Amino acid sequence: MAESELIFEVREDEIDGGYTASALGHSIFTAAETLEELRKNVREAVDCHFDESMSGPKIIRLHFVRDEVLTR
């Protein structure tokens, strides 16, 4: 049975720059310097993970996670 949606948790590396993305519930991980490159890399990683015998998701969602630190 095919999944209809696959969600990636995306984080920005505030120190070194760039982005990382990891799929929830699957061992799919990728990284990139720009958002455009990240989108391309996510699609390629999903295509590699779901081969011809497996039906991949119809929708890939990027969920951006941002940590914010407040000091007093």
N, C-alpha and C. Protein backbone atom coordinates (compact mmCIF):
# COMPACT_ATOMS: atom_id res chain seq x y z
N MET A 1 0.84 -1.19 0.00
CA MET A 1 0.00 0.00 0.00
C MET A 1 0.88 1.25 0.00
N ALA A 2 0.56 2.19 -0.83
CA ALA A 2 1.35 3.41 -0.96
C ALA A 2 0.95 4.43 0.09
N GLU A 3 1.94 5.15 0.54
CA GLU A 3 1.67 6.27 1.45
C GLU A 3 1.23 7.45 0.60
N SER A 4 0.29 8.21 1.08
CA SER A 4 -0.14 9.37 0.31
C SER A 4 0.74 10.59 0.58
N GLU A 5 1.39 10.61 1.76
CA GLU A 5 2.19 11.78 2.13
C GLU A 5 3.41 11.35 2.94
N LEU A 6 4.52 12.01 2.69
CA LEU A 6 5.75 11.78 3.43
C LEU A 6 6.21 13.14 3.97
N ILE A 7 6.48 13.19 5.27
CA ILE A 7 6.85 14.46 5.91
C ILE A 7 8.32 14.44 6.26
N PHE A 8 9.01 15.51 5.88
CA PHE A 8 10.41 15.71 6.24
C PHE A 8 10.51 16.83 7.26
N GLU A 9 11.30 16.60 8.28
CA GLU A 9 11.61 17.64 9.27
C GLU A 9 12.87 18.35 8.76
N VAL A 10 12.75 19.66 8.53
CA VAL A 10 13.86 20.44 7.98
C VAL A 10 14.38 21.38 9.04
N ARG A 11 15.70 21.39 9.18
CA ARG A 11 16.37 22.29 10.12
C ARG A 11 17.44 23.07 9.40
N GLU A 12 17.58 24.33 9.78
CA GLU A 12 18.64 25.18 9.24
C GLU A 12 19.80 25.17 10.22
N ASP A 13 21.00 24.99 9.69
CA ASP A 13 22.20 25.02 10.52
C ASP A 13 22.62 26.48 10.66
N GLU A 14 22.34 27.06 11.80
CA GLU A 14 22.59 28.49 12.00
C GLU A 14 24.07 28.82 12.12
N ILE A 15 24.90 27.85 12.46
CA ILE A 15 26.33 28.10 12.61
C ILE A 15 27.05 27.95 11.28
N ASP A 16 26.87 26.81 10.61
CA ASP A 16 27.59 26.52 9.37
C ASP A 16 26.80 26.87 8.12
N GLY A 17 25.51 27.15 8.26
CA GLY A 17 24.66 27.41 7.10
C GLY A 17 24.17 26.11 6.49
N GLY A 18 23.26 26.21 5.58
CA GLY A 18 22.71 25.03 4.92
C GLY A 18 21.53 24.46 5.68
N TYR A 19 21.02 23.35 5.16
CA TYR A 19 19.81 22.73 5.69
C TYR A 19 19.99 21.22 5.75
N THR A 20 19.29 20.58 6.69
CA THR A 20 19.19 19.13 6.75
C THR A 20 17.72 18.76 6.76
N ALA A 21 17.43 17.59 6.18
CA ALA A 21 16.05 17.12 6.15
C ALA A 21 16.04 15.63 6.44
N SER A 22 15.15 15.22 7.34
CA SER A 22 15.00 13.80 7.63
C SER A 22 13.52 13.43 7.62
N ALA A 23 13.24 12.28 6.99
CA ALA A 23 11.85 11.83 6.86
C ALA A 23 11.37 11.24 8.17
N LEU A 24 10.14 11.51 8.51
CA LEU A 24 9.54 10.93 9.71
C LEU A 24 9.04 9.52 9.37
N GLY A 25 9.52 8.53 10.12
CA GLY A 25 9.08 7.16 9.92
C GLY A 25 9.86 6.39 8.87
N HIS A 26 10.85 7.01 8.26
CA HIS A 26 11.67 6.35 7.24
C HIS A 26 13.12 6.75 7.45
N SER A 27 14.03 5.92 6.98
CA SER A 27 15.45 6.25 7.11
C SER A 27 15.93 6.99 5.86
N ILE A 28 15.36 8.18 5.66
CA ILE A 28 15.74 9.02 4.53
C ILE A 28 16.28 10.33 5.10
N PHE A 29 17.49 10.69 4.69
CA PHE A 29 18.14 11.89 5.19
C PHE A 29 18.90 12.54 4.05
N THR A 30 18.88 13.88 4.00
CA THR A 30 19.65 14.60 3.00
C THR A 30 20.00 15.98 3.54
N ALA A 31 20.92 16.65 2.86
CA ALA A 31 21.35 17.99 3.27
C ALA A 31 21.66 18.80 2.02
N ALA A 32 21.69 20.13 2.19
CA ALA A 32 21.98 21.03 1.07
C ALA A 32 22.36 22.40 1.60
N GLU A 33 22.97 23.19 0.74
CA GLU A 33 23.36 24.55 1.09
C GLU A 33 22.21 25.55 0.92
N THR A 34 21.32 25.32 -0.06
CA THR A 34 20.21 26.24 -0.32
C THR A 34 18.88 25.48 -0.27
N LEU A 35 17.79 26.21 -0.14
CA LEU A 35 16.47 25.58 -0.13
C LEU A 35 16.15 24.94 -1.48
N GLU A 36 16.54 25.58 -2.55
CA GLU A 36 16.30 25.03 -3.89
C GLU A 36 17.02 23.68 -4.04
N GLU A 37 18.27 23.63 -3.62
CA GLU A 37 19.04 22.39 -3.67
C GLU A 37 18.44 21.33 -2.73
N LEU A 38 17.95 21.76 -1.57
CA LEU A 38 17.34 20.82 -0.63
C LEU A 38 16.10 20.18 -1.23
N ARG A 39 15.27 20.96 -1.88
CA ARG A 39 14.06 20.41 -2.52
C ARG A 39 14.43 19.34 -3.55
N LYS A 40 15.44 19.64 -4.36
CA LYS A 40 15.92 18.69 -5.37
C LYS A 40 16.46 17.43 -4.70
N ASN A 41 17.27 17.59 -3.65
CA ASN A 41 17.86 16.45 -2.96
C ASN A 41 16.80 15.59 -2.26
N VAL A 42 15.77 16.22 -1.71
CA VAL A 42 14.69 15.46 -1.07
C VAL A 42 13.98 14.59 -2.09
N ARG A 43 13.67 15.15 -3.24
CA ARG A 43 13.00 14.36 -4.30
C ARG A 43 13.87 13.17 -4.73
N GLU A 44 15.17 13.43 -4.92
CA GLU A 44 16.08 12.36 -5.32
C GLU A 44 16.19 11.28 -4.24
N ALA A 45 16.25 11.69 -2.97
CA ALA A 45 16.35 10.73 -1.87
C ALA A 45 15.10 9.86 -1.79
N VAL A 46 13.95 10.46 -1.99
CA VAL A 46 12.68 9.71 -1.96
C VAL A 46 12.64 8.73 -3.13
N ASP A 47 13.05 9.17 -4.32
CA ASP A 47 13.08 8.28 -5.48
C ASP A 47 14.01 7.08 -5.24
N CYS A 48 15.15 7.32 -4.59
CA CYS A 48 16.08 6.23 -4.29
C CYS A 48 15.52 5.27 -3.24
N HIS A 49 14.82 5.80 -2.27
CA HIS A 49 14.29 4.98 -1.18
C HIS A 49 13.15 4.08 -1.67
N PHE A 50 12.25 4.62 -2.47
CA PHE A 50 11.11 3.87 -2.98
C PHE A 50 11.45 3.40 -4.39
N ASP A 51 11.90 2.15 -4.53
CA ASP A 51 12.28 1.65 -5.84
C ASP A 51 11.04 1.24 -6.64
N GLU A 52 11.25 0.58 -7.77
CA GLU A 52 10.14 0.22 -8.67
C GLU A 52 9.11 -0.70 -8.02
N SER A 53 9.57 -1.51 -7.05
CA SER A 53 8.64 -2.45 -6.41
C SER A 53 7.79 -1.78 -5.33
N MET A 54 8.16 -0.56 -4.94
CA MET A 54 7.42 0.15 -3.90
C MET A 54 6.84 1.44 -4.48
N SER A 55 5.63 1.70 -4.15
CA SER A 55 5.00 2.93 -4.62
C SER A 55 5.30 4.05 -3.63
N GLY A 56 5.88 5.13 -4.13
CA GLY A 56 6.24 6.26 -3.27
C GLY A 56 5.06 7.15 -2.95
N PRO A 57 5.28 8.13 -2.08
CA PRO A 57 4.19 9.04 -1.68
C PRO A 57 3.81 9.98 -2.82
N LYS A 58 2.56 10.38 -2.79
CA LYS A 58 2.08 11.36 -3.78
C LYS A 58 2.49 12.78 -3.39
N ILE A 59 2.61 13.03 -2.08
CA ILE A 59 2.94 14.37 -1.57
C ILE A 59 4.15 14.26 -0.65
N ILE A 60 5.09 15.18 -0.83
CA ILE A 60 6.23 15.30 0.07
C ILE A 60 6.10 16.65 0.76
N ARG A 61 6.00 16.62 2.07
CA ARG A 61 5.82 17.86 2.84
C ARG A 61 7.11 18.18 3.59
N LEU A 62 7.56 19.42 3.50
CA LEU A 62 8.72 19.89 4.24
C LEU A 62 8.22 20.69 5.44
N HIS A 63 8.53 20.20 6.63
CA HIS A 63 8.12 20.86 7.87
C HIS A 63 9.36 21.53 8.46
N PHE A 64 9.37 22.85 8.46
CA PHE A 64 10.52 23.61 8.94
C PHE A 64 10.46 23.77 10.45
N VAL A 65 11.53 23.34 11.11
CA VAL A 65 11.63 23.40 12.56
C VAL A 65 12.66 24.46 12.90
N ARG A 66 12.30 25.34 13.78
CA ARG A 66 13.21 26.41 14.16
C ARG A 66 13.28 26.52 15.67
N ASP A 67 14.48 26.47 16.18
CA ASP A 67 14.69 26.66 17.61
C ASP A 67 14.97 28.13 17.86
N GLU A 68 14.33 28.66 18.87
CA GLU A 68 14.55 30.06 19.24
C GLU A 68 14.94 30.09 20.72
N VAL A 69 16.05 30.74 20.99
CA VAL A 69 16.55 30.81 22.36
C VAL A 69 16.36 32.23 22.86
N LEU A 70 15.74 32.33 24.02
CA LEU A 70 15.55 33.63 24.66
C LEU A 70 16.41 33.68 25.91
N THR A 71 17.03 34.81 26.15
CA THR A 71 17.81 34.97 27.37
C THR A 71 17.22 36.13 28.18
N ARG A 72 17.57 36.15 29.42
CA ARG A 72 17.07 37.24 30.29
C ARG A 72 18.22 38.05 30.78
